[in-house]
Amino acid sequence: AALKQVPACEYNPMEAIKTNILGSSNVVDAALDAGVKKVLALSTDKAVSPINLYGATKLAAEKLMVQSNAYAGGMATRFSCVRYGNVVGSRGSVVPLFIKQRETGTVTLTDKRMTRFWISLDQGVRFVIRCIEQMQGGEVFVPKIPSMKMTDLAEAIAPGAKVNVIGIRPGEKLHEALISEDESRTTVE
């Protein structure tokens, strides 16, 4: 469980920290106390070089999970993460918004240059299962998924609709990344 929307975290920073960071710490403690063998945390592309509180809390949760392998000492519990982009149609996704706006003939975009990484729910579930089966502890698994221009997504969902550019929201990037430049030096396929 996490507070997962950028505006919600910007609006209520203490809840974002309590849920995404302290909640992750609680999971680590509970897993160690219960002797759970594997814990796989779900992260986001927004944790890469974060510019908003949501991304910062997910980055902190990633670091906490990876470092918890040392915290586990000689215990059998192992911790890893998966990091991917936007899940098509999930709560807070722009896809249901575009579908609803299609009826009016006008869709809203924050910026015509914006791109996002996309994964389907089924792809995400299969990726998580594969990762938990092969994890050894300490990995951050990142799938190779496509990035799409938001203008192309809007056109695919609402062909011919008028586009109303409303401006970028606080804490929002034009382009996300799945791996930082620094991480790329130690990334393996």
N, C-alpha and C. Protein backbone atom coordinates (compact mmCIF):
# COMPACT_ATOMS: atom_id res chain seq x y z
N ALA A 1 0.85 -1.18 0.00
CA ALA A 1 0.00 0.00 0.00
C ALA A 1 0.89 1.23 0.00
N ALA A 2 0.45 2.23 -0.70
CA ALA A 2 1.23 3.47 -0.77
C ALA A 2 0.31 4.61 -1.14
N LEU A 3 0.72 5.82 -0.77
CA LEU A 3 0.12 7.02 -1.36
C LEU A 3 0.82 7.15 -2.70
N LYS A 4 0.09 7.06 -3.80
CA LYS A 4 0.76 6.91 -5.09
C LYS A 4 0.56 8.05 -6.07
N GLN A 5 -0.14 9.07 -5.71
CA GLN A 5 -0.31 10.15 -6.67
C GLN A 5 0.49 11.38 -6.25
N VAL A 6 1.15 11.96 -7.24
CA VAL A 6 2.00 13.13 -6.98
C VAL A 6 1.22 14.24 -6.27
N PRO A 7 0.05 14.67 -6.78
CA PRO A 7 -0.66 15.77 -6.10
C PRO A 7 -1.06 15.44 -4.66
N ALA A 8 -1.47 14.20 -4.40
CA ALA A 8 -1.86 13.81 -3.04
C ALA A 8 -0.68 13.91 -2.08
N CYS A 9 0.50 13.52 -2.54
CA CYS A 9 1.69 13.58 -1.69
C CYS A 9 2.16 15.01 -1.49
N GLU A 10 2.04 15.83 -2.52
CA GLU A 10 2.42 17.24 -2.40
C GLU A 10 1.47 17.95 -1.42
N TYR A 11 0.20 17.57 -1.47
CA TYR A 11 -0.81 18.20 -0.62
C TYR A 11 -0.67 17.78 0.84
N ASN A 12 -0.29 16.52 1.07
CA ASN A 12 -0.22 16.00 2.43
C ASN A 12 1.12 15.30 2.66
N PRO A 13 2.19 16.06 2.80
CA PRO A 13 3.53 15.48 2.86
C PRO A 13 3.76 14.54 4.04
N MET A 14 3.21 14.84 5.21
CA MET A 14 3.44 13.97 6.36
C MET A 14 2.80 12.61 6.15
N GLU A 15 1.61 12.57 5.55
CA GLU A 15 0.97 11.28 5.26
C GLU A 15 1.78 10.49 4.24
N ALA A 16 2.35 11.17 3.26
CA ALA A 16 3.18 10.50 2.26
C ALA A 16 4.38 9.84 2.94
N ILE A 17 5.02 10.56 3.84
CA ILE A 17 6.18 10.02 4.56
C ILE A 17 5.77 8.87 5.47
N LYS A 18 4.68 9.05 6.21
CA LYS A 18 4.21 7.98 7.10
C LYS A 18 3.85 6.72 6.32
N THR A 19 3.17 6.88 5.23
CA THR A 19 2.70 5.72 4.46
C THR A 19 3.83 5.08 3.67
N ASN A 20 4.53 5.86 2.88
CA ASN A 20 5.49 5.29 1.93
C ASN A 20 6.84 4.93 2.53
N ILE A 21 7.27 5.66 3.55
CA ILE A 21 8.57 5.37 4.16
C ILE A 21 8.40 4.58 5.46
N LEU A 22 7.64 5.14 6.41
CA LEU A 22 7.46 4.44 7.67
C LEU A 22 6.66 3.15 7.47
N GLY A 23 5.73 3.15 6.54
CA GLY A 23 4.99 1.93 6.22
C GLY A 23 5.92 0.85 5.69
N SER A 24 6.88 1.23 4.86
CA SER A 24 7.87 0.27 4.35
C SER A 24 8.73 -0.27 5.49
N SER A 25 9.09 0.61 6.41
CA SER A 25 9.87 0.19 7.58
C SER A 25 9.07 -0.82 8.41
N ASN A 26 7.79 -0.58 8.56
CA ASN A 26 6.93 -1.52 9.29
C ASN A 26 6.89 -2.88 8.60
N VAL A 27 6.85 -2.88 7.27
CA VAL A 27 6.85 -4.15 6.52
C VAL A 27 8.16 -4.89 6.76
N VAL A 28 9.28 -4.18 6.73
CA VAL A 28 10.59 -4.80 6.99
C VAL A 28 10.58 -5.45 8.37
N ASP A 29 10.18 -4.69 9.39
CA ASP A 29 10.17 -5.23 10.76
C ASP A 29 9.25 -6.44 10.88
N ALA A 30 8.06 -6.35 10.31
CA ALA A 30 7.10 -7.45 10.38
C ALA A 30 7.63 -8.69 9.65
N ALA A 31 8.26 -8.50 8.50
CA ALA A 31 8.81 -9.63 7.74
C ALA A 31 9.91 -10.32 8.52
N LEU A 32 10.78 -9.53 9.14
CA LEU A 32 11.86 -10.11 9.95
C LEU A 32 11.30 -10.83 11.16
N ASP A 33 10.34 -10.22 11.84
CA ASP A 33 9.73 -10.85 13.03
C ASP A 33 9.04 -12.16 12.68
N ALA A 34 8.42 -12.22 11.50
CA ALA A 34 7.64 -13.40 11.11
C ALA A 34 8.47 -14.42 10.33
N GLY A 35 9.72 -14.09 10.01
CA GLY A 35 10.55 -15.02 9.26
C GLY A 35 10.14 -15.19 7.81
N VAL A 36 9.56 -14.14 7.24
CA VAL A 36 9.18 -14.18 5.83
C VAL A 36 10.44 -14.36 4.99
N LYS A 37 10.36 -15.21 3.96
CA LYS A 37 11.56 -15.49 3.15
C LYS A 37 11.89 -14.38 2.17
N LYS A 38 10.86 -13.85 1.48
CA LYS A 38 11.11 -12.84 0.45
C LYS A 38 10.11 -11.70 0.57
N VAL A 39 10.64 -10.48 0.43
CA VAL A 39 9.81 -9.28 0.38
C VAL A 39 10.21 -8.53 -0.88
N LEU A 40 9.20 -8.24 -1.72
CA LEU A 40 9.45 -7.52 -2.96
C LEU A 40 8.60 -6.26 -2.95
N ALA A 41 9.25 -5.11 -2.85
CA ALA A 41 8.55 -3.83 -2.81
C ALA A 41 8.30 -3.33 -4.22
N LEU A 42 7.17 -2.67 -4.43
CA LEU A 42 6.84 -2.09 -5.73
C LEU A 42 7.20 -0.62 -5.72
N SER A 43 7.97 -0.21 -6.70
CA SER A 43 8.38 1.18 -6.80
C SER A 43 7.91 1.76 -8.14
N THR A 44 8.47 2.88 -8.50
CA THR A 44 7.98 3.65 -9.64
C THR A 44 9.12 4.38 -10.32
N ASP A 45 8.91 4.72 -11.58
CA ASP A 45 9.90 5.52 -12.31
C ASP A 45 10.08 6.89 -11.66
N LYS A 46 9.11 7.32 -10.90
CA LYS A 46 9.22 8.63 -10.24
C LYS A 46 10.26 8.64 -9.12
N ALA A 47 10.76 7.44 -8.73
CA ALA A 47 11.82 7.34 -7.72
C ALA A 47 13.19 7.65 -8.32
N VAL A 48 13.28 7.73 -9.64
CA VAL A 48 14.55 8.01 -10.33
C VAL A 48 14.74 9.52 -10.39
N SER A 49 15.80 10.01 -9.74
CA SER A 49 16.07 11.45 -9.69
C SER A 49 14.79 12.23 -9.37
N PRO A 50 14.20 11.97 -8.21
CA PRO A 50 12.88 12.56 -7.90
C PRO A 50 12.90 14.07 -7.79
N ILE A 51 11.80 14.68 -8.26
CA ILE A 51 11.63 16.13 -8.12
C ILE A 51 10.37 16.43 -7.31
N ASN A 52 9.69 15.38 -6.85
CA ASN A 52 8.49 15.58 -6.03
C ASN A 52 8.55 14.67 -4.82
N LEU A 53 7.69 14.92 -3.85
CA LEU A 53 7.72 14.15 -2.61
C LEU A 53 7.36 12.70 -2.84
N TYR A 54 6.42 12.42 -3.72
CA TYR A 54 6.07 11.03 -4.01
C TYR A 54 7.30 10.26 -4.47
N GLY A 55 8.01 10.77 -5.45
CA GLY A 55 9.21 10.11 -5.93
C GLY A 55 10.27 9.97 -4.84
N ALA A 56 10.41 11.01 -4.01
CA ALA A 56 11.39 10.96 -2.93
C ALA A 56 11.04 9.89 -1.90
N THR A 57 9.76 9.74 -1.59
CA THR A 57 9.37 8.71 -0.62
C THR A 57 9.54 7.31 -1.21
N LYS A 58 9.30 7.16 -2.50
CA LYS A 58 9.49 5.84 -3.13
C LYS A 58 10.98 5.52 -3.25
N LEU A 59 11.81 6.53 -3.51
CA LEU A 59 13.26 6.32 -3.53
C LEU A 59 13.73 5.90 -2.13
N ALA A 60 13.25 6.59 -1.11
CA ALA A 60 13.63 6.24 0.27
C ALA A 60 13.17 4.81 0.60
N ALA A 61 11.98 4.43 0.16
CA ALA A 61 11.48 3.08 0.39
C ALA A 61 12.35 2.05 -0.33
N GLU A 62 12.77 2.35 -1.56
CA GLU A 62 13.68 1.46 -2.30
C GLU A 62 14.98 1.26 -1.52
N LYS A 63 15.58 2.37 -1.10
CA LYS A 63 16.85 2.30 -0.37
C LYS A 63 16.69 1.52 0.92
N LEU A 64 15.59 1.75 1.62
CA LEU A 64 15.30 1.04 2.86
C LEU A 64 15.20 -0.47 2.61
N MET A 65 14.49 -0.85 1.56
CA MET A 65 14.32 -2.28 1.24
C MET A 65 15.66 -2.93 0.90
N VAL A 66 16.41 -2.30 0.02
CA VAL A 66 17.69 -2.88 -0.41
C VAL A 66 18.63 -3.01 0.79
N GLN A 67 18.72 -1.97 1.61
CA GLN A 67 19.63 -2.00 2.75
C GLN A 67 19.14 -2.91 3.87
N SER A 68 17.88 -3.27 3.86
CA SER A 68 17.35 -4.16 4.89
C SER A 68 17.94 -5.56 4.80
N ASN A 69 18.55 -5.90 3.67
CA ASN A 69 19.25 -7.17 3.57
C ASN A 69 20.41 -7.22 4.56
N ALA A 70 21.10 -6.10 4.76
CA ALA A 70 22.17 -6.04 5.75
C ALA A 70 21.58 -6.05 7.15
N TYR A 71 20.46 -5.36 7.31
CA TYR A 71 19.76 -5.28 8.60
C TYR A 71 19.30 -6.67 9.04
N ALA A 72 18.96 -7.54 8.06
CA ALA A 72 18.48 -8.88 8.37
C ALA A 72 19.58 -9.76 8.98
N GLY A 73 20.84 -9.37 8.77
CA GLY A 73 21.94 -10.14 9.34
C GLY A 73 21.92 -11.57 8.83
N GLY A 74 21.96 -12.53 9.74
CA GLY A 74 21.98 -13.94 9.37
C GLY A 74 20.61 -14.53 9.13
N MET A 75 19.55 -13.72 9.26
CA MET A 75 18.20 -14.25 9.03
C MET A 75 18.01 -14.58 7.55
N ALA A 76 17.02 -15.41 7.26
CA ALA A 76 16.78 -15.86 5.88
C ALA A 76 15.99 -14.85 5.05
N THR A 77 15.44 -13.84 5.66
CA THR A 77 14.60 -12.87 4.95
C THR A 77 15.44 -12.06 3.96
N ARG A 78 14.93 -11.94 2.73
CA ARG A 78 15.60 -11.17 1.69
C ARG A 78 14.64 -10.13 1.13
N PHE A 79 15.19 -8.97 0.78
CA PHE A 79 14.40 -7.83 0.31
C PHE A 79 14.90 -7.37 -1.06
N SER A 80 13.97 -7.10 -1.97
CA SER A 80 14.27 -6.55 -3.29
C SER A 80 13.14 -5.62 -3.70
N CYS A 81 13.31 -4.97 -4.85
CA CYS A 81 12.29 -4.04 -5.36
C CYS A 81 12.06 -4.29 -6.85
N VAL A 82 10.88 -3.92 -7.30
CA VAL A 82 10.63 -3.77 -8.74
C VAL A 82 10.28 -2.31 -8.96
N ARG A 83 10.70 -1.80 -10.10
CA ARG A 83 10.42 -0.39 -10.45
C ARG A 83 9.91 -0.36 -11.89
N TYR A 84 8.73 0.18 -12.06
CA TYR A 84 8.20 0.32 -13.42
C TYR A 84 7.42 1.61 -13.54
N GLY A 85 6.82 1.82 -14.71
CA GLY A 85 6.13 3.08 -14.99
C GLY A 85 4.66 3.03 -14.65
N ASN A 86 3.87 3.72 -15.42
CA ASN A 86 2.44 3.85 -15.18
C ASN A 86 1.70 2.59 -15.60
N VAL A 87 0.78 2.13 -14.75
CA VAL A 87 -0.05 0.98 -15.07
C VAL A 87 -1.29 1.49 -15.80
N VAL A 88 -1.49 0.99 -17.01
CA VAL A 88 -2.61 1.45 -17.85
C VAL A 88 -3.94 1.22 -17.13
N GLY A 89 -4.70 2.28 -16.96
CA GLY A 89 -6.04 2.17 -16.39
C GLY A 89 -6.10 2.05 -14.88
N SER A 90 -4.96 2.14 -14.18
CA SER A 90 -4.99 2.03 -12.72
C SER A 90 -5.61 3.28 -12.10
N ARG A 91 -5.89 3.20 -10.80
CA ARG A 91 -6.47 4.34 -10.11
C ARG A 91 -5.54 5.54 -10.24
N GLY A 92 -6.09 6.64 -10.71
CA GLY A 92 -5.30 7.84 -10.90
C GLY A 92 -4.66 7.94 -12.28
N SER A 93 -4.85 6.91 -13.11
CA SER A 93 -4.28 6.91 -14.46
C SER A 93 -5.03 7.91 -15.34
N VAL A 94 -4.32 8.42 -16.33
CA VAL A 94 -4.91 9.37 -17.26
C VAL A 94 -5.83 8.67 -18.26
N VAL A 95 -5.69 7.37 -18.43
CA VAL A 95 -6.48 6.63 -19.42
C VAL A 95 -7.99 6.76 -19.14
N PRO A 96 -8.46 6.45 -17.92
CA PRO A 96 -9.90 6.64 -17.68
C PRO A 96 -10.34 8.10 -17.85
N LEU A 97 -9.46 9.04 -17.53
CA LEU A 97 -9.77 10.46 -17.71
C LEU A 97 -9.97 10.77 -19.20
N PHE A 98 -9.04 10.31 -20.04
CA PHE A 98 -9.18 10.54 -21.48
C PHE A 98 -10.45 9.89 -22.03
N ILE A 99 -10.78 8.70 -21.54
CA ILE A 99 -12.00 8.01 -21.99
C ILE A 99 -13.22 8.84 -21.63
N LYS A 100 -13.23 9.38 -20.41
CA LYS A 100 -14.36 10.22 -19.98
C LYS A 100 -14.40 11.52 -20.79
N GLN A 101 -13.25 12.14 -20.99
CA GLN A 101 -13.18 13.41 -21.72
C GLN A 101 -13.53 13.23 -23.20
N ARG A 102 -13.32 12.04 -23.72
CA ARG A 102 -13.62 11.76 -25.13
C ARG A 102 -15.07 12.12 -25.46
N GLU A 103 -15.97 11.92 -24.49
CA GLU A 103 -17.39 12.22 -24.69
C GLU A 103 -17.63 13.70 -24.96
N THR A 104 -16.77 14.56 -24.40
CA THR A 104 -16.94 16.01 -24.59
C THR A 104 -16.28 16.51 -25.87
N GLY A 105 -15.39 15.68 -26.44
CA GLY A 105 -14.68 16.09 -27.64
C GLY A 105 -13.42 16.88 -27.37
N THR A 106 -13.08 17.06 -26.08
CA THR A 106 -11.86 17.79 -25.70
C THR A 106 -11.13 17.01 -24.61
N VAL A 107 -9.83 16.80 -24.81
CA VAL A 107 -9.01 16.17 -23.77
C VAL A 107 -8.02 17.20 -23.25
N THR A 108 -7.64 17.04 -21.98
CA THR A 108 -6.67 17.96 -21.38
C THR A 108 -5.30 17.30 -21.31
N LEU A 109 -4.29 18.05 -21.69
CA LEU A 109 -2.90 17.63 -21.57
C LEU A 109 -2.16 18.71 -20.80
N THR A 110 -1.20 18.29 -19.97
CA THR A 110 -0.44 19.30 -19.24
C THR A 110 0.62 19.94 -20.13
N ASP A 111 1.22 19.13 -21.02
CA ASP A 111 2.24 19.65 -21.93
C ASP A 111 2.34 18.70 -23.13
N LYS A 112 2.37 19.24 -24.33
CA LYS A 112 2.39 18.39 -25.54
C LYS A 112 3.70 17.62 -25.70
N ARG A 113 4.74 18.02 -24.99
CA ARG A 113 6.03 17.31 -25.11
C ARG A 113 6.13 16.11 -24.18
N MET A 114 5.19 15.97 -23.25
CA MET A 114 5.28 14.98 -22.19
C MET A 114 5.24 13.54 -22.71
N THR A 115 6.08 12.68 -22.07
CA THR A 115 6.09 11.25 -22.35
C THR A 115 5.95 10.49 -21.03
N ARG A 116 5.47 9.26 -21.12
CA ARG A 116 5.37 8.39 -19.94
C ARG A 116 5.64 6.95 -20.33
N PHE A 117 6.20 6.18 -19.38
CA PHE A 117 6.38 4.74 -19.54
C PHE A 117 5.07 4.06 -19.16
N TRP A 118 4.71 3.01 -19.92
CA TRP A 118 3.45 2.31 -19.69
C TRP A 118 3.65 0.81 -19.59
N ILE A 119 2.85 0.19 -18.71
CA ILE A 119 2.82 -1.25 -18.55
C ILE A 119 1.38 -1.63 -18.27
N SER A 120 0.94 -2.76 -18.81
CA SER A 120 -0.43 -3.20 -18.52
C SER A 120 -0.44 -3.89 -17.15
N LEU A 121 -1.60 -4.02 -16.57
CA LEU A 121 -1.72 -4.68 -15.27
C LEU A 121 -1.21 -6.12 -15.38
N ASP A 122 -1.59 -6.81 -16.44
CA ASP A 122 -1.16 -8.20 -16.63
C ASP A 122 0.36 -8.29 -16.77
N GLN A 123 0.96 -7.39 -17.55
CA GLN A 123 2.42 -7.37 -17.69
C GLN A 123 3.08 -7.10 -16.35
N GLY A 124 2.53 -6.17 -15.59
CA GLY A 124 3.08 -5.84 -14.28
C GLY A 124 3.03 -7.02 -13.32
N VAL A 125 1.90 -7.71 -13.30
CA VAL A 125 1.75 -8.87 -12.41
C VAL A 125 2.74 -9.96 -12.80
N ARG A 126 2.84 -10.26 -14.10
CA ARG A 126 3.77 -11.30 -14.55
C ARG A 126 5.22 -10.92 -14.23
N PHE A 127 5.55 -9.64 -14.38
CA PHE A 127 6.90 -9.17 -14.08
C PHE A 127 7.21 -9.35 -12.59
N VAL A 128 6.28 -8.96 -11.73
CA VAL A 128 6.48 -9.08 -10.28
C VAL A 128 6.66 -10.55 -9.89
N ILE A 129 5.85 -11.44 -10.45
CA ILE A 129 5.96 -12.87 -10.13
C ILE A 129 7.32 -13.40 -10.56
N ARG A 130 7.75 -13.07 -11.78
CA ARG A 130 9.08 -13.52 -12.25
C ARG A 130 10.19 -13.01 -11.33
N CYS A 131 10.08 -11.76 -10.90
CA CYS A 131 11.13 -11.17 -10.07
C CYS A 131 11.18 -11.81 -8.69
N ILE A 132 10.02 -12.07 -8.10
CA ILE A 132 10.05 -12.66 -6.75
C ILE A 132 10.56 -14.10 -6.81
N GLU A 133 10.35 -14.75 -7.94
CA GLU A 133 10.87 -16.13 -8.09
C GLU A 133 12.39 -16.14 -8.21
N GLN A 134 12.98 -15.12 -8.86
CA GLN A 134 14.42 -15.15 -9.09
C GLN A 134 15.24 -14.26 -8.16
N MET A 135 14.59 -13.45 -7.33
CA MET A 135 15.34 -12.51 -6.49
C MET A 135 16.25 -13.25 -5.50
N GLN A 136 17.39 -12.62 -5.24
CA GLN A 136 18.33 -13.12 -4.24
C GLN A 136 18.41 -12.17 -3.05
N GLY A 137 17.95 -10.94 -3.26
CA GLY A 137 18.01 -9.92 -2.22
C GLY A 137 18.90 -8.78 -2.65
N GLY A 138 18.38 -7.57 -2.63
CA GLY A 138 19.15 -6.39 -2.96
C GLY A 138 18.96 -5.86 -4.37
N GLU A 139 18.24 -6.60 -5.22
CA GLU A 139 18.06 -6.14 -6.59
C GLU A 139 16.94 -5.10 -6.68
N VAL A 140 17.07 -4.24 -7.67
CA VAL A 140 15.96 -3.39 -8.11
C VAL A 140 15.71 -3.81 -9.56
N PHE A 141 14.63 -4.55 -9.77
CA PHE A 141 14.30 -5.06 -11.09
C PHE A 141 13.54 -4.00 -11.88
N VAL A 142 13.95 -3.79 -13.13
CA VAL A 142 13.33 -2.78 -13.99
C VAL A 142 13.00 -3.43 -15.34
N PRO A 143 11.74 -3.42 -15.75
CA PRO A 143 11.40 -4.03 -17.04
C PRO A 143 11.73 -3.09 -18.19
N LYS A 144 11.90 -3.66 -19.37
CA LYS A 144 12.04 -2.86 -20.58
C LYS A 144 10.63 -2.62 -21.10
N ILE A 145 10.13 -1.42 -20.89
CA ILE A 145 8.77 -1.08 -21.29
C ILE A 145 8.78 0.17 -22.16
N PRO A 146 7.76 0.33 -22.99
CA PRO A 146 7.76 1.48 -23.91
C PRO A 146 7.38 2.79 -23.23
N SER A 147 7.93 3.84 -23.81
CA SER A 147 7.54 5.19 -23.44
C SER A 147 6.70 5.74 -24.58
N MET A 148 5.69 6.52 -24.22
CA MET A 148 4.78 7.04 -25.25
C MET A 148 4.56 8.52 -25.03
N LYS A 149 4.47 9.23 -26.15
CA LYS A 149 4.09 10.64 -26.06
C LYS A 149 2.63 10.71 -25.61
N MET A 150 2.35 11.59 -24.69
CA MET A 150 0.97 11.72 -24.19
C MET A 150 0.03 12.20 -25.29
N THR A 151 0.55 12.95 -26.25
CA THR A 151 -0.30 13.37 -27.38
C THR A 151 -0.74 12.15 -28.19
N ASP A 152 0.16 11.16 -28.35
CA ASP A 152 -0.19 9.94 -29.08
C ASP A 152 -1.23 9.13 -28.31
N LEU A 153 -1.09 9.07 -27.00
CA LEU A 153 -2.06 8.35 -26.18
C LEU A 153 -3.44 9.01 -26.27
N ALA A 154 -3.46 10.33 -26.17
CA ALA A 154 -4.73 11.06 -26.26
C ALA A 154 -5.39 10.82 -27.62
N GLU A 155 -4.60 10.84 -28.69
CA GLU A 155 -5.13 10.62 -30.03
C GLU A 155 -5.66 9.19 -30.20
N ALA A 156 -4.99 8.22 -29.58
CA ALA A 156 -5.43 6.83 -29.67
C ALA A 156 -6.75 6.61 -28.93
N ILE A 157 -6.91 7.29 -27.80
CA ILE A 157 -8.13 7.11 -26.99
C ILE A 157 -9.27 7.98 -27.50
N ALA A 158 -8.94 9.19 -27.89
CA ALA A 158 -9.97 10.14 -28.34
C ALA A 158 -9.57 10.72 -29.70
N PRO A 159 -9.65 9.91 -30.76
CA PRO A 159 -9.20 10.38 -32.07
C PRO A 159 -9.95 11.64 -32.52
N GLY A 160 -9.18 12.60 -32.97
CA GLY A 160 -9.76 13.84 -33.48
C GLY A 160 -10.25 14.81 -32.42
N ALA A 161 -10.11 14.47 -31.15
CA ALA A 161 -10.57 15.37 -30.08
C ALA A 161 -9.68 16.61 -30.02
N LYS A 162 -10.27 17.70 -29.61
CA LYS A 162 -9.51 18.94 -29.39
C LYS A 162 -8.63 18.73 -28.16
N VAL A 163 -7.43 19.27 -28.18
CA VAL A 163 -6.50 19.15 -27.05
C VAL A 163 -6.39 20.51 -26.36
N ASN A 164 -6.70 20.51 -25.07
CA ASN A 164 -6.61 21.71 -24.25
C ASN A 164 -5.37 21.57 -23.36
N VAL A 165 -4.33 22.37 -23.61
CA VAL A 165 -3.10 22.32 -22.82
C VAL A 165 -3.30 23.16 -21.56
N ILE A 166 -3.19 22.50 -20.39
CA ILE A 166 -3.50 23.16 -19.11
C ILE A 166 -2.27 23.53 -18.30
N GLY A 167 -1.09 23.10 -18.74
CA GLY A 167 0.15 23.45 -18.03
C GLY A 167 0.59 22.35 -17.09
N ILE A 168 1.88 22.22 -16.95
CA ILE A 168 2.48 21.17 -16.13
C ILE A 168 2.14 21.41 -14.66
N ARG A 169 1.88 20.33 -13.94
CA ARG A 169 1.51 20.42 -12.52
C ARG A 169 2.76 20.46 -11.64
N PRO A 170 2.63 21.00 -10.42
CA PRO A 170 3.79 21.02 -9.52
C PRO A 170 4.32 19.61 -9.28
N GLY A 171 5.63 19.45 -9.36
CA GLY A 171 6.26 18.16 -9.10
C GLY A 171 6.22 17.19 -10.26
N GLU A 172 5.80 17.65 -11.43
CA GLU A 172 5.67 16.77 -12.59
C GLU A 172 6.85 16.98 -13.54
N LYS A 173 7.36 15.89 -14.10
CA LYS A 173 8.45 15.96 -15.08
C LYS A 173 7.88 15.86 -16.49
N LEU A 174 8.61 16.40 -17.45
CA LEU A 174 8.23 16.19 -18.85
C LEU A 174 8.50 14.74 -19.25
N HIS A 175 9.64 14.20 -18.82
CA HIS A 175 10.03 12.84 -19.19
C HIS A 175 10.55 12.11 -17.96
N GLU A 176 10.02 10.94 -17.70
CA GLU A 176 10.50 10.10 -16.61
C GLU A 176 11.67 9.25 -17.12
N ALA A 177 12.36 8.60 -16.20
CA ALA A 177 13.43 7.65 -16.52
C ALA A 177 13.21 6.42 -15.65
N LEU A 178 13.62 5.27 -16.14
CA LEU A 178 13.51 4.05 -15.35
C LEU A 178 14.79 3.71 -14.60
N ILE A 179 15.91 4.26 -15.10
CA ILE A 179 17.22 4.04 -14.47
C ILE A 179 17.97 5.36 -14.53
N SER A 180 18.59 5.74 -13.43
CA SER A 180 19.35 6.99 -13.43
C SER A 180 20.68 6.79 -14.15
N GLU A 181 21.30 7.89 -14.49
CA GLU A 181 22.61 7.84 -15.14
C GLU A 181 23.61 7.11 -14.26
N ASP A 182 23.59 7.41 -12.96
CA ASP A 182 24.52 6.75 -12.03
C ASP A 182 24.23 5.26 -11.91
N GLU A 183 22.96 4.88 -11.88
CA GLU A 183 22.60 3.46 -11.79
C GLU A 183 22.99 2.70 -13.05
N SER A 184 23.00 3.38 -14.18
CA SER A 184 23.28 2.70 -15.44
C SER A 184 24.66 2.06 -15.48
N ARG A 185 25.59 2.58 -14.69
CA ARG A 185 26.95 2.02 -14.65
C ARG A 185 26.98 0.63 -14.02
N THR A 186 26.02 0.33 -13.15
CA THR A 186 26.02 -0.96 -12.47
C THR A 186 24.82 -1.82 -12.86
N THR A 187 24.13 -1.44 -13.90
CA THR A 187 22.95 -2.18 -14.34
C THR A 187 23.36 -3.37 -15.20
N VAL A 188 22.72 -4.50 -14.97
CA VAL A 188 22.94 -5.69 -15.78
C VAL A 188 21.62 -6.12 -16.40
N GLU A 189 21.72 -6.72 -17.61
CA GLU A 189 20.50 -7.16 -18.29
C GLU A 189 20.06 -8.51 -17.75
